[in-house]
Every structure is written in C-alpha cells, then in structure tokens.
Amino acid sequence: MDDLAVPQHHRSGAHRARRNSLPAVLLSLVLVAVVSGGLLWALLTFGVLGAQDPAGGPVAAPTDAGSAPATQPADAASPGSSADPGAEPGTQPSVPPSAGPTAEPTVGPGPEPSPEPTVDRSVGVDVLNSTDTVGLAAGAAAALEELGWAVGEVTNFDGDEIPTTVLHPTEDLAATADALVADLGTGVTQLSADVDVVTVVLGPDYPG
C-alpha cells in the first residue's frame, strides 16, 4: 500500500483574466488633447490677441515695418491746421492761394529823345519898325549883326503898331525865333504864314 502513490494534484493559484488597457490609453490621449488645447487657447487669447497695455486697452497687433501707416479719418484735422468751427464735417477749410513772387515790370526802351532845337543865325532876318521912332530898325539891325545874325531887309512895318514880335514861317525856325527874342531883350514869337523869312517887328517896348 505504501508503494501506491496517490497522485497528488498541485494546486496553483486561480488564473485571473488580463485587463484590457485600451480604454486607459484613449482616456490619456483625450486628457492630453484637452490640456494642449487649453494651453493653446490661453496662449492665443492672452499672449497675442488678448494682451492689454497698462491702461487696460487692447494692444494692436504688431505690423511690418514696410506696411503703410494707418490713414487718418477724412474729417480729422491735419496737424498745424485750424479747423473752422462752422465748416461741415469732413471738409478742409479753404486756404487762399499764396501770392507768388511778383515779377519785376519789364521796362522797355523809352521813346527816343527829340533832337535839340538848333539856332541858325545864318538865316536872313528882316527887321521892321512899327513905331514912330526914326532909326529904331537900323539900330536893332546893327546890334543883331554884332551878335552874329545875318540881317536882311531893314524897313518900316506896313501896319499898326504892335508889341515887339518875331515872326517865323515854319515850325523848325521856332528855336531861332526864341534866340532872337533873347538877344533883343523883349518880345514874343509867332508862327505866321504872312512872312517868308524870320522877321522882327519892333514895338514901343523895344528899349532901342
């Protein structure tokens, strides 16, 4: 009987079923995605878009150095310009155009000066006496000859007594007639078609 071995069955621990780890992995991935999304949202909201300046206002996003500056509103008054209180919004006050530099007036050449009147003592000068004084014409003729005048006829005047007058037939002899009056010391000049040469008519005003 002792030789008979009674087979003994070795008991081992009960075999437990292996847990499925797939739900745990999925849950971990979901948590990681949620945390990452929250961090990204916080970064975008508070780091760039929601950043505020010390005064509490939003800070504008930085712009490139080459980008165009923001334009001012149309109704904003430009620096240095005074807005008209009665002007409509959006309009700039009209500024009268500044006068430019005035050009110097161009002075053209003036009219040519008329030639100086000439005195011709070589023309024949007749001397007439309109007074009753005898020899008055002869004395005046001699005095004129001494001054360089070319004396022609010396006689009495056929007419009434008149003040001393120097008659000249043309306008170009006006200067010569004026010179005769200056040499006689008295008299007036007159343009006359009744004489052909310069004629001196002596009157009672001639001192003789």
N, C-alpha and C. Protein backbone atom coordinates (compact mmCIF):
# COMPACT_ATOMS: atom_id res chain seq x y z
N MET A 1 0.84 -1.19 0.00
CA MET A 1 0.00 0.00 0.00
C MET A 1 0.85 1.21 0.00
N ASP A 2 1.97 1.10 0.65
CA ASP A 2 2.81 2.30 0.69
C ASP A 2 3.37 2.60 -0.66
N ASP A 3 3.47 1.52 -1.48
CA ASP A 3 4.06 1.79 -2.78
C ASP A 3 3.12 2.47 -3.71
N LEU A 4 1.93 2.36 -3.37
CA LEU A 4 0.97 3.01 -4.25
C LEU A 4 1.02 4.50 -4.01
N ALA A 5 1.38 5.14 -4.99
CA ALA A 5 1.43 6.62 -4.84
C ALA A 5 0.12 7.20 -5.26
N VAL A 6 -0.32 7.85 -4.39
CA VAL A 6 -1.60 8.53 -4.72
C VAL A 6 -1.26 9.82 -5.43
N PRO A 7 -1.68 9.87 -6.61
CA PRO A 7 -1.35 11.11 -7.36
C PRO A 7 -1.93 12.32 -6.69
N GLN A 8 -1.05 13.20 -6.50
CA GLN A 8 -1.48 14.47 -5.87
C GLN A 8 -1.52 15.58 -6.90
N HIS A 9 -2.50 16.21 -6.86
CA HIS A 9 -2.68 17.34 -7.81
C HIS A 9 -2.17 18.61 -7.18
N HIS A 10 -1.21 19.21 -7.84
CA HIS A 10 -0.69 20.50 -7.33
C HIS A 10 -1.66 21.63 -7.65
N ARG A 11 -2.04 22.33 -6.61
CA ARG A 11 -2.97 23.48 -6.83
C ARG A 11 -2.16 24.73 -7.16
N SER A 12 -2.55 25.20 -8.07
CA SER A 12 -1.95 26.52 -8.44
C SER A 12 -2.99 27.59 -8.24
N GLY A 13 -2.52 28.85 -8.19
CA GLY A 13 -3.45 29.97 -7.99
C GLY A 13 -4.41 30.14 -9.15
N ALA A 14 -5.52 30.59 -8.83
CA ALA A 14 -6.51 30.76 -9.90
C ALA A 14 -6.01 31.76 -10.92
N HIS A 15 -6.19 31.52 -12.18
CA HIS A 15 -5.73 32.41 -13.30
C HIS A 15 -6.72 33.55 -13.47
N ARG A 16 -6.18 34.78 -13.22
CA ARG A 16 -7.04 35.98 -13.40
C ARG A 16 -7.02 36.46 -14.84
N ALA A 17 -8.16 36.95 -15.26
CA ALA A 17 -8.25 37.49 -16.66
C ALA A 17 -7.47 38.80 -16.79
N ARG A 18 -6.71 38.98 -17.90
CA ARG A 18 -5.91 40.22 -18.16
C ARG A 18 -6.84 41.38 -18.49
N ARG A 19 -6.56 42.47 -17.76
CA ARG A 19 -7.38 43.67 -18.05
C ARG A 19 -7.06 44.25 -19.42
N ASN A 20 -8.10 44.80 -20.05
CA ASN A 20 -7.92 45.46 -21.36
C ASN A 20 -7.44 46.90 -21.11
N SER A 21 -6.22 47.31 -21.60
CA SER A 21 -5.62 48.65 -21.37
C SER A 21 -6.03 49.69 -22.39
N LEU A 22 -6.82 49.35 -23.40
CA LEU A 22 -7.19 50.28 -24.46
C LEU A 22 -8.00 51.47 -23.95
N PRO A 23 -8.99 51.32 -23.09
CA PRO A 23 -9.72 52.50 -22.59
C PRO A 23 -8.83 53.47 -21.85
N ALA A 24 -7.87 52.90 -21.09
CA ALA A 24 -6.98 53.80 -20.35
C ALA A 24 -6.13 54.64 -21.29
N VAL A 25 -5.67 54.01 -22.36
CA VAL A 25 -4.85 54.75 -23.33
C VAL A 25 -5.67 55.84 -23.99
N LEU A 26 -6.87 55.52 -24.37
CA LEU A 26 -7.73 56.52 -25.02
C LEU A 26 -8.02 57.68 -24.08
N LEU A 27 -8.26 57.35 -22.82
CA LEU A 27 -8.54 58.40 -21.86
C LEU A 27 -7.33 59.33 -21.69
N SER A 28 -6.14 58.74 -21.70
CA SER A 28 -4.92 59.56 -21.58
C SER A 28 -4.76 60.49 -22.77
N LEU A 29 -5.03 59.95 -23.96
CA LEU A 29 -4.91 60.78 -25.16
C LEU A 29 -5.90 61.93 -25.13
N VAL A 30 -7.13 61.62 -24.66
CA VAL A 30 -8.14 62.68 -24.59
C VAL A 30 -7.71 63.77 -23.61
N LEU A 31 -7.17 63.35 -22.47
CA LEU A 31 -6.72 64.34 -21.49
C LEU A 31 -5.59 65.19 -22.02
N VAL A 32 -4.65 64.54 -22.73
CA VAL A 32 -3.54 65.31 -23.31
C VAL A 32 -4.04 66.32 -24.33
N ALA A 33 -5.01 65.89 -25.16
CA ALA A 33 -5.54 66.80 -26.18
C ALA A 33 -6.26 67.98 -25.54
N VAL A 34 -7.02 67.68 -24.46
CA VAL A 34 -7.75 68.77 -23.79
C VAL A 34 -6.79 69.76 -23.17
N VAL A 35 -5.76 69.25 -22.49
CA VAL A 35 -4.78 70.15 -21.87
C VAL A 35 -4.04 70.97 -22.92
N SER A 36 -3.65 70.31 -24.01
CA SER A 36 -2.92 71.02 -25.08
C SER A 36 -3.80 72.10 -25.69
N GLY A 37 -5.07 71.74 -25.93
CA GLY A 37 -5.98 72.75 -26.50
C GLY A 37 -6.19 73.93 -25.57
N GLY A 38 -6.30 73.62 -24.28
CA GLY A 38 -6.46 74.73 -23.33
C GLY A 38 -5.25 75.63 -23.29
N LEU A 39 -4.06 75.03 -23.32
CA LEU A 39 -2.84 75.86 -23.33
C LEU A 39 -2.75 76.70 -24.59
N LEU A 40 -3.09 76.09 -25.73
CA LEU A 40 -3.03 76.84 -26.99
C LEU A 40 -4.03 77.98 -27.00
N TRP A 41 -5.23 77.70 -26.48
CA TRP A 41 -6.26 78.77 -26.42
C TRP A 41 -5.80 79.91 -25.50
N ALA A 42 -5.23 79.56 -24.35
CA ALA A 42 -4.75 80.58 -23.43
C ALA A 42 -3.63 81.40 -24.05
N LEU A 43 -2.72 80.73 -24.79
CA LEU A 43 -1.62 81.44 -25.43
C LEU A 43 -2.13 82.42 -26.46
N LEU A 44 -3.07 81.98 -27.32
CA LEU A 44 -3.60 82.86 -28.36
C LEU A 44 -4.42 83.99 -27.76
N THR A 45 -5.16 83.66 -26.70
CA THR A 45 -6.06 84.68 -26.14
C THR A 45 -5.31 85.73 -25.35
N PHE A 46 -4.42 85.32 -24.45
CA PHE A 46 -3.75 86.25 -23.55
C PHE A 46 -2.37 86.65 -24.04
N GLY A 47 -1.76 85.83 -24.89
CA GLY A 47 -0.40 86.14 -25.33
C GLY A 47 -0.37 87.09 -26.50
N VAL A 48 -1.36 87.01 -27.48
CA VAL A 48 -1.30 87.83 -28.70
C VAL A 48 -2.54 88.67 -28.85
N LEU A 49 -3.71 87.99 -28.96
CA LEU A 49 -4.94 88.72 -29.25
C LEU A 49 -5.47 89.44 -28.03
N GLY A 50 -5.36 88.83 -26.86
CA GLY A 50 -5.97 89.43 -25.68
C GLY A 50 -5.01 90.19 -24.82
N ALA A 51 -3.78 90.45 -25.29
CA ALA A 51 -2.81 91.20 -24.49
C ALA A 51 -3.29 92.62 -24.32
N GLN A 52 -3.11 93.17 -23.18
CA GLN A 52 -3.56 94.52 -22.88
C GLN A 52 -2.39 95.37 -22.44
N ASP A 53 -2.53 96.70 -22.73
CA ASP A 53 -1.50 97.63 -22.29
C ASP A 53 -1.75 98.00 -20.85
N PRO A 54 -0.83 98.74 -20.22
CA PRO A 54 -1.01 99.10 -18.81
C PRO A 54 -2.28 99.88 -18.56
N ALA A 55 -2.83 100.63 -19.55
CA ALA A 55 -4.03 101.41 -19.32
C ALA A 55 -5.28 100.57 -19.37
N GLY A 56 -5.17 99.32 -19.78
CA GLY A 56 -6.33 98.46 -19.81
C GLY A 56 -6.89 98.26 -21.19
N GLY A 57 -6.40 98.98 -22.19
CA GLY A 57 -6.91 98.83 -23.54
C GLY A 57 -6.17 97.76 -24.28
N PRO A 58 -6.77 97.24 -25.34
CA PRO A 58 -6.11 96.19 -26.13
C PRO A 58 -4.93 96.76 -26.88
N VAL A 59 -3.90 95.95 -26.99
CA VAL A 59 -2.70 96.32 -27.74
C VAL A 59 -2.86 95.83 -29.15
N ALA A 60 -2.65 96.72 -30.13
CA ALA A 60 -2.80 96.33 -31.52
C ALA A 60 -1.69 95.39 -31.90
N ALA A 61 -2.04 94.49 -32.81
CA ALA A 61 -1.05 93.52 -33.27
C ALA A 61 0.06 94.24 -33.98
N PRO A 62 1.31 93.82 -33.80
CA PRO A 62 2.45 94.50 -34.46
C PRO A 62 2.33 94.39 -35.96
N THR A 63 2.74 95.43 -36.63
CA THR A 63 2.70 95.47 -38.09
C THR A 63 4.11 95.46 -38.62
N ASP A 64 4.23 95.09 -39.88
CA ASP A 64 5.55 95.07 -40.54
C ASP A 64 6.04 96.49 -40.72
N ALA A 65 7.39 96.61 -40.75
CA ALA A 65 7.98 97.94 -40.91
C ALA A 65 7.65 98.54 -42.25
N GLY A 66 7.44 97.70 -43.28
CA GLY A 66 7.19 98.22 -44.62
C GLY A 66 5.73 98.46 -44.91
N SER A 67 4.85 98.12 -43.95
CA SER A 67 3.43 98.30 -44.21
C SER A 67 3.09 99.77 -44.16
N ALA A 68 2.01 100.12 -44.88
CA ALA A 68 1.62 101.52 -44.96
C ALA A 68 1.01 101.95 -43.66
N PRO A 69 1.28 103.20 -43.20
CA PRO A 69 0.69 103.68 -41.95
C PRO A 69 -0.80 103.84 -42.09
N ALA A 70 -1.46 103.71 -40.96
CA ALA A 70 -2.92 103.83 -40.97
C ALA A 70 -3.29 105.25 -41.34
N THR A 71 -4.27 105.37 -42.22
CA THR A 71 -4.70 106.69 -42.66
C THR A 71 -5.62 107.30 -41.64
N GLN A 72 -5.56 108.59 -41.53
CA GLN A 72 -6.41 109.29 -40.60
C GLN A 72 -7.81 109.40 -41.17
N PRO A 73 -8.81 109.55 -40.32
CA PRO A 73 -10.16 109.76 -40.83
C PRO A 73 -10.21 111.02 -41.68
N ALA A 74 -11.16 111.01 -42.63
CA ALA A 74 -11.26 112.13 -43.55
C ALA A 74 -11.61 113.41 -42.85
N ASP A 75 -12.37 113.31 -41.71
CA ASP A 75 -12.78 114.52 -41.05
C ASP A 75 -11.81 114.98 -39.97
N ALA A 76 -10.66 114.27 -39.83
CA ALA A 76 -9.68 114.68 -38.82
C ALA A 76 -8.89 115.85 -39.35
N ALA A 77 -8.68 116.83 -38.50
CA ALA A 77 -7.92 118.00 -38.92
C ALA A 77 -6.45 117.66 -38.93
N SER A 78 -5.76 118.03 -39.98
CA SER A 78 -4.34 117.77 -40.10
C SER A 78 -3.58 118.61 -39.11
N PRO A 79 -2.42 118.13 -38.63
CA PRO A 79 -1.63 118.92 -37.65
C PRO A 79 -1.24 120.25 -38.23
N GLY A 80 -1.35 121.27 -37.41
CA GLY A 80 -0.92 122.60 -37.83
C GLY A 80 -1.99 123.38 -38.54
N SER A 81 -3.18 122.75 -38.82
CA SER A 81 -4.24 123.46 -39.49
C SER A 81 -5.34 123.74 -38.50
N SER A 82 -5.94 124.90 -38.60
CA SER A 82 -7.02 125.29 -37.71
C SER A 82 -8.33 124.98 -38.38
N ALA A 83 -9.16 124.17 -37.72
CA ALA A 83 -10.44 123.80 -38.29
C ALA A 83 -11.43 124.92 -38.08
N ASP A 84 -12.26 125.15 -39.07
CA ASP A 84 -13.29 126.17 -38.98
C ASP A 84 -14.46 125.60 -38.21
N PRO A 85 -14.87 126.24 -37.09
CA PRO A 85 -15.97 125.68 -36.31
C PRO A 85 -17.26 125.58 -37.12
N GLY A 86 -17.46 126.47 -38.09
CA GLY A 86 -18.70 126.44 -38.86
C GLY A 86 -18.64 125.58 -40.08
N ALA A 87 -17.48 124.95 -40.34
CA ALA A 87 -17.37 124.14 -41.54
C ALA A 87 -18.04 122.81 -41.33
N GLU A 88 -18.54 122.20 -42.41
CA GLU A 88 -19.16 120.90 -42.32
C GLU A 88 -18.11 119.85 -42.02
N PRO A 89 -18.54 118.78 -41.31
CA PRO A 89 -17.56 117.70 -41.02
C PRO A 89 -17.05 117.08 -42.31
N GLY A 90 -15.79 116.74 -42.28
CA GLY A 90 -15.19 116.06 -43.44
C GLY A 90 -14.64 117.01 -44.48
N THR A 91 -14.77 118.32 -44.28
CA THR A 91 -14.26 119.27 -45.25
C THR A 91 -13.10 120.02 -44.66
N GLN A 92 -12.15 120.31 -45.47
CA GLN A 92 -10.98 121.08 -45.04
C GLN A 92 -11.24 122.55 -45.28
N PRO A 93 -10.80 123.44 -44.37
CA PRO A 93 -11.01 124.88 -44.61
C PRO A 93 -10.25 125.33 -45.83
N SER A 94 -10.92 126.14 -46.63
CA SER A 94 -10.29 126.63 -47.85
C SER A 94 -9.25 127.66 -47.48
N VAL A 95 -8.11 127.54 -48.09
CA VAL A 95 -6.99 128.45 -47.83
C VAL A 95 -6.71 129.20 -49.11
N PRO A 96 -6.77 130.52 -49.10
CA PRO A 96 -6.50 131.25 -50.34
C PRO A 96 -5.08 131.02 -50.79
N PRO A 97 -4.88 130.86 -52.09
CA PRO A 97 -3.52 130.62 -52.58
C PRO A 97 -2.62 131.79 -52.29
N SER A 98 -1.43 131.43 -51.83
CA SER A 98 -0.48 132.49 -51.50
C SER A 98 0.06 133.11 -52.77
N ALA A 99 0.18 134.38 -52.69
CA ALA A 99 0.68 135.08 -53.86
C ALA A 99 2.15 134.78 -54.05
N GLY A 100 2.41 134.54 -55.21
CA GLY A 100 3.78 134.24 -55.52
C GLY A 100 4.61 135.48 -55.64
N PRO A 101 5.85 135.21 -55.89
CA PRO A 101 6.72 136.37 -56.06
C PRO A 101 6.33 137.18 -57.26
N THR A 102 6.14 138.48 -57.07
CA THR A 102 5.73 139.34 -58.16
C THR A 102 6.92 139.62 -59.06
N ALA A 103 6.65 139.52 -60.36
CA ALA A 103 7.71 139.74 -61.33
C ALA A 103 7.97 141.23 -61.48
N GLU A 104 9.21 141.57 -61.66
CA GLU A 104 9.59 142.96 -61.87
C GLU A 104 9.02 143.42 -63.22
N PRO A 105 8.39 144.61 -63.26
CA PRO A 105 7.87 145.08 -64.54
C PRO A 105 9.01 145.32 -65.52
N THR A 106 8.78 144.83 -66.70
CA THR A 106 9.79 144.98 -67.74
C THR A 106 9.70 146.38 -68.31
N VAL A 107 10.79 147.07 -68.17
CA VAL A 107 10.85 148.44 -68.67
C VAL A 107 11.52 148.42 -70.03
N GLY A 108 10.73 148.73 -71.01
CA GLY A 108 11.28 148.75 -72.36
C GLY A 108 12.00 150.05 -72.63
N PRO A 109 12.65 150.11 -73.74
CA PRO A 109 13.34 151.36 -74.08
C PRO A 109 12.33 152.48 -74.28
N GLY A 110 12.59 153.61 -73.69
CA GLY A 110 11.69 154.74 -73.81
C GLY A 110 11.78 155.36 -75.20
N PRO A 111 10.89 156.28 -75.44
CA PRO A 111 10.93 156.95 -76.75
C PRO A 111 12.23 157.72 -76.93
N GLU A 112 12.67 157.70 -78.13
CA GLU A 112 13.92 158.41 -78.43
C GLU A 112 13.72 159.90 -78.19
N PRO A 113 14.67 160.52 -77.51
CA PRO A 113 14.53 161.97 -77.28
C PRO A 113 14.56 162.74 -78.58
N SER A 114 13.72 163.75 -78.62
CA SER A 114 13.68 164.58 -79.82
C SER A 114 14.99 165.37 -79.93
N PRO A 115 15.40 165.58 -81.12
CA PRO A 115 16.67 166.31 -81.28
C PRO A 115 16.56 167.72 -80.72
N GLU A 116 17.67 168.16 -80.16
CA GLU A 116 17.72 169.51 -79.60
C GLU A 116 17.47 170.54 -80.71
N PRO A 117 16.59 171.50 -80.39
CA PRO A 117 16.36 172.54 -81.42
C PRO A 117 17.64 173.33 -81.69
N THR A 118 17.83 173.60 -82.91
CA THR A 118 19.05 174.32 -83.30
C THR A 118 18.72 175.77 -83.64
N VAL A 119 19.65 176.59 -83.34
CA VAL A 119 19.52 178.03 -83.64
C VAL A 119 20.40 178.34 -84.84
N ASP A 120 19.79 178.84 -85.89
CA ASP A 120 20.53 179.15 -87.12
C ASP A 120 20.60 180.66 -87.27
N ARG A 121 21.77 181.20 -86.91
CA ARG A 121 21.95 182.65 -87.01
C ARG A 121 22.31 183.09 -88.43
N SER A 122 22.46 182.08 -89.31
CA SER A 122 22.83 182.44 -90.68
C SER A 122 21.62 182.72 -91.57
N VAL A 123 20.40 182.42 -91.06
CA VAL A 123 19.22 182.68 -91.88
C VAL A 123 19.04 184.19 -92.01
N GLY A 124 18.48 184.60 -93.09
CA GLY A 124 18.25 186.05 -93.26
C GLY A 124 17.15 186.54 -92.34
N VAL A 125 17.41 187.62 -91.62
CA VAL A 125 16.46 188.18 -90.66
C VAL A 125 16.11 189.61 -91.12
N ASP A 126 14.82 189.84 -91.39
CA ASP A 126 14.35 191.18 -91.72
C ASP A 126 13.96 191.91 -90.43
N VAL A 127 14.27 193.19 -90.38
CA VAL A 127 13.97 193.98 -89.18
C VAL A 127 13.05 195.14 -89.61
N LEU A 128 11.84 195.18 -89.01
CA LEU A 128 10.83 196.19 -89.34
C LEU A 128 10.50 197.01 -88.10
N ASN A 129 10.16 198.30 -88.37
CA ASN A 129 9.83 199.22 -87.29
C ASN A 129 8.35 199.56 -87.37
N SER A 130 7.60 199.23 -86.28
CA SER A 130 6.16 199.54 -86.25
C SER A 130 5.87 200.81 -85.45
N THR A 131 6.92 201.49 -85.00
CA THR A 131 6.72 202.69 -84.18
C THR A 131 7.04 203.94 -84.99
N ASP A 132 6.84 205.09 -84.34
CA ASP A 132 7.17 206.37 -84.97
C ASP A 132 8.61 206.78 -84.72
N THR A 133 9.36 205.97 -83.99
CA THR A 133 10.73 206.30 -83.65
C THR A 133 11.61 206.09 -84.88
N VAL A 134 12.23 207.14 -85.32
CA VAL A 134 13.06 207.07 -86.51
C VAL A 134 14.38 206.39 -86.17
N GLY A 135 14.82 205.49 -87.08
CA GLY A 135 16.09 204.83 -86.90
C GLY A 135 16.06 203.66 -85.92
N LEU A 136 14.86 203.30 -85.46
CA LEU A 136 14.79 202.21 -84.48
C LEU A 136 15.17 200.88 -85.13
N ALA A 137 14.75 200.64 -86.34
CA ALA A 137 15.06 199.39 -87.03
C ALA A 137 16.53 199.30 -87.36
N ALA A 138 17.14 200.41 -87.77
CA ALA A 138 18.55 200.40 -88.13
C ALA A 138 19.40 200.09 -86.91
N GLY A 139 19.07 200.67 -85.77
CA GLY A 139 19.84 200.41 -84.57
C GLY A 139 19.72 198.95 -84.13
N ALA A 140 18.52 198.37 -84.22
CA ALA A 140 18.33 196.97 -83.84
C ALA A 140 19.08 196.04 -84.79
N ALA A 141 19.10 196.38 -86.08
CA ALA A 141 19.80 195.55 -87.06
C ALA A 141 21.30 195.53 -86.78
N ALA A 142 21.85 196.69 -86.43
CA ALA A 142 23.28 196.75 -86.15
C ALA A 142 23.62 195.92 -84.91
N ALA A 143 22.75 195.98 -83.90
CA ALA A 143 23.01 195.20 -82.69
C ALA A 143 22.93 193.70 -82.97
N LEU A 144 22.01 193.31 -83.85
CA LEU A 144 21.88 191.88 -84.16
C LEU A 144 23.08 191.39 -84.99
N GLU A 145 23.58 192.25 -85.85
CA GLU A 145 24.74 191.85 -86.64
C GLU A 145 25.94 191.61 -85.75
N GLU A 146 26.08 192.43 -84.74
CA GLU A 146 27.20 192.25 -83.83
C GLU A 146 27.10 190.91 -83.09
N LEU A 147 25.88 190.40 -82.91
CA LEU A 147 25.68 189.13 -82.22
C LEU A 147 25.76 187.94 -83.17
N GLY A 148 26.07 188.21 -84.44
CA GLY A 148 26.27 187.12 -85.39
C GLY A 148 25.09 186.81 -86.27
N TRP A 149 24.06 187.63 -86.24
CA TRP A 149 22.90 187.39 -87.07
C TRP A 149 23.14 187.96 -88.47
N ALA A 150 22.58 187.25 -89.46
CA ALA A 150 22.65 187.74 -90.85
C ALA A 150 21.39 188.55 -91.12
N VAL A 151 21.55 189.85 -91.14
CA VAL A 151 20.39 190.74 -91.29
C VAL A 151 20.13 190.98 -92.77
N GLY A 152 18.81 190.90 -93.12
CA GLY A 152 18.41 191.14 -94.49
C GLY A 152 17.85 192.54 -94.66
N GLU A 153 16.54 192.64 -94.95
CA GLU A 153 15.89 193.94 -95.19
C GLU A 153 15.63 194.66 -93.86
N VAL A 154 15.87 195.99 -93.90
CA VAL A 154 15.61 196.84 -92.72
C VAL A 154 14.69 197.96 -93.20
N THR A 155 13.43 197.98 -92.68
CA THR A 155 12.44 198.94 -93.15
C THR A 155 11.36 199.13 -92.10
N ASN A 156 10.30 199.89 -92.52
CA ASN A 156 9.17 200.13 -91.63
C ASN A 156 8.12 199.02 -91.81
N PHE A 157 7.36 198.81 -90.77
CA PHE A 157 6.29 197.81 -90.78
C PHE A 157 5.05 198.41 -91.41
N ASP A 158 4.43 197.67 -92.33
CA ASP A 158 3.24 198.16 -93.01
C ASP A 158 2.02 197.69 -92.24
N GLY A 159 1.68 198.42 -91.20
CA GLY A 159 0.53 198.07 -90.37
C GLY A 159 0.54 198.86 -89.09
N ASP A 160 -0.37 198.51 -88.21
CA ASP A 160 -0.49 199.22 -86.93
C ASP A 160 0.68 198.85 -86.01
N GLU A 161 0.85 199.70 -85.04
CA GLU A 161 1.91 199.46 -84.05
C GLU A 161 1.56 198.24 -83.19
N ILE A 162 2.52 197.38 -83.02
CA ILE A 162 2.32 196.17 -82.21
C ILE A 162 3.52 195.99 -81.28
N PRO A 163 3.34 195.21 -80.22
CA PRO A 163 4.50 194.91 -79.38
C PRO A 163 5.55 194.15 -80.19
N THR A 164 6.77 194.17 -79.70
CA THR A 164 7.86 193.52 -80.40
C THR A 164 7.55 192.04 -80.58
N THR A 165 7.58 191.58 -81.84
CA THR A 165 7.20 190.22 -82.18
C THR A 165 8.18 189.68 -83.23
N VAL A 166 8.59 188.41 -83.06
CA VAL A 166 9.45 187.74 -84.04
C VAL A 166 8.58 186.72 -84.76
N LEU A 167 8.35 186.93 -86.05
CA LEU A 167 7.52 186.05 -86.86
C LEU A 167 8.41 185.04 -87.56
N HIS A 168 7.98 183.75 -87.62
CA HIS A 168 8.76 182.73 -88.34
C HIS A 168 7.79 181.89 -89.19
N PRO A 169 8.16 181.62 -90.44
CA PRO A 169 7.23 180.97 -91.37
C PRO A 169 7.05 179.47 -91.13
N THR A 170 8.02 178.81 -90.54
CA THR A 170 7.93 177.36 -90.32
C THR A 170 8.27 177.04 -88.88
N GLU A 171 7.80 175.81 -88.44
CA GLU A 171 8.00 175.41 -87.05
C GLU A 171 9.45 175.12 -86.74
N ASP A 172 10.22 174.71 -87.74
CA ASP A 172 11.61 174.37 -87.46
C ASP A 172 12.46 175.60 -87.16
N LEU A 173 11.90 176.81 -87.38
CA LEU A 173 12.61 178.04 -87.07
C LEU A 173 12.18 178.63 -85.73
N ALA A 174 11.41 177.84 -84.93
CA ALA A 174 10.93 178.35 -83.65
C ALA A 174 12.10 178.60 -82.70
N ALA A 175 13.10 177.73 -82.69
CA ALA A 175 14.25 177.93 -81.80
C ALA A 175 15.03 179.17 -82.21
N THR A 176 15.13 179.42 -83.51
CA THR A 176 15.84 180.62 -83.97
C THR A 176 15.09 181.87 -83.55
N ALA A 177 13.74 181.82 -83.63
CA ALA A 177 12.94 182.97 -83.20
C ALA A 177 13.09 183.21 -81.70
N ASP A 178 13.13 182.14 -80.92
CA ASP A 178 13.32 182.31 -79.47
C ASP A 178 14.68 182.95 -79.17
N ALA A 179 15.70 182.56 -79.91
CA ALA A 179 17.03 183.14 -79.70
C ALA A 179 17.04 184.63 -80.05
N LEU A 180 16.28 185.00 -81.08
CA LEU A 180 16.19 186.42 -81.44
C LEU A 180 15.53 187.23 -80.33
N VAL A 181 14.47 186.69 -79.73
CA VAL A 181 13.81 187.39 -78.63
C VAL A 181 14.77 187.56 -77.46
N ALA A 182 15.57 186.51 -77.18
CA ALA A 182 16.53 186.61 -76.08
C ALA A 182 17.57 187.68 -76.37
N ASP A 183 18.03 187.79 -77.62
CA ASP A 183 19.05 188.80 -77.94
C ASP A 183 18.46 190.20 -77.97
N LEU A 184 17.17 190.35 -78.34
CA LEU A 184 16.54 191.67 -78.34
C LEU A 184 16.23 192.13 -76.92
N GLY A 185 16.06 191.20 -76.00
CA GLY A 185 15.74 191.57 -74.63
C GLY A 185 14.27 191.72 -74.38
N THR A 186 13.42 191.49 -75.37
CA THR A 186 11.97 191.61 -75.22
C THR A 186 11.30 190.98 -76.42
N GLY A 187 9.98 190.82 -76.31
CA GLY A 187 9.23 190.32 -77.46
C GLY A 187 8.69 188.92 -77.27
N VAL A 188 7.85 188.50 -78.24
CA VAL A 188 7.25 187.17 -78.29
C VAL A 188 7.48 186.60 -79.67
N THR A 189 7.28 185.31 -79.80
CA THR A 189 7.42 184.65 -81.10
C THR A 189 6.05 184.22 -81.60
N GLN A 190 5.92 184.14 -82.95
CA GLN A 190 4.63 183.75 -83.53
C GLN A 190 4.87 183.10 -84.88
N LEU A 191 4.20 181.93 -85.08
CA LEU A 191 4.24 181.26 -86.37
C LEU A 191 3.28 181.99 -87.30
N SER A 192 3.77 182.39 -88.48
CA SER A 192 2.95 183.20 -89.39
C SER A 192 3.22 182.80 -90.82
N ALA A 193 2.12 182.68 -91.57
CA ALA A 193 2.23 182.39 -92.99
C ALA A 193 2.36 183.65 -93.83
N ASP A 194 2.33 184.82 -93.21
CA ASP A 194 2.42 186.08 -93.94
C ASP A 194 3.85 186.48 -94.25
N VAL A 195 4.84 185.76 -93.71
CA VAL A 195 6.25 186.09 -93.94
C VAL A 195 6.94 184.90 -94.58
N ASP A 196 7.98 185.17 -95.33
CA ASP A 196 8.77 184.11 -95.96
C ASP A 196 10.06 183.84 -95.21
N VAL A 197 10.53 184.80 -94.42
CA VAL A 197 11.75 184.64 -93.63
C VAL A 197 11.45 185.07 -92.21
N VAL A 198 12.41 184.82 -91.33
CA VAL A 198 12.26 185.26 -89.96
C VAL A 198 12.26 186.80 -89.97
N THR A 199 11.21 187.38 -89.34
CA THR A 199 11.01 188.82 -89.40
C THR A 199 10.82 189.37 -87.99
N VAL A 200 11.60 190.41 -87.67
CA VAL A 200 11.49 191.07 -86.39
C VAL A 200 10.68 192.35 -86.58
N VAL A 201 9.55 192.42 -85.86
CA VAL A 201 8.72 193.64 -85.89
C VAL A 201 8.91 194.33 -84.54
N LEU A 202 9.57 195.50 -84.56
CA LEU A 202 9.87 196.23 -83.33
C LEU A 202 8.66 197.04 -82.88
N GLY A 203 8.39 196.98 -81.55
CA GLY A 203 7.29 197.76 -80.99
C GLY A 203 7.81 198.74 -79.98
N PRO A 204 6.89 199.47 -79.36
CA PRO A 204 7.32 200.50 -78.43
C PRO A 204 8.00 199.92 -77.18
N ASP A 205 7.88 198.62 -76.93
CA ASP A 205 8.52 198.00 -75.76
C ASP A 205 9.98 197.73 -75.99
N TYR A 206 10.44 197.88 -77.26
CA TYR A 206 11.87 197.63 -77.51
C TYR A 206 12.66 198.81 -76.97
N PRO A 207 13.66 198.52 -76.12
CA PRO A 207 14.36 199.63 -75.48
C PRO A 207 15.23 200.44 -76.44
N GLY A 208 15.57 199.86 -77.57
CA GLY A 208 16.39 200.59 -78.53
C GLY A 208 17.80 200.57 -78.08
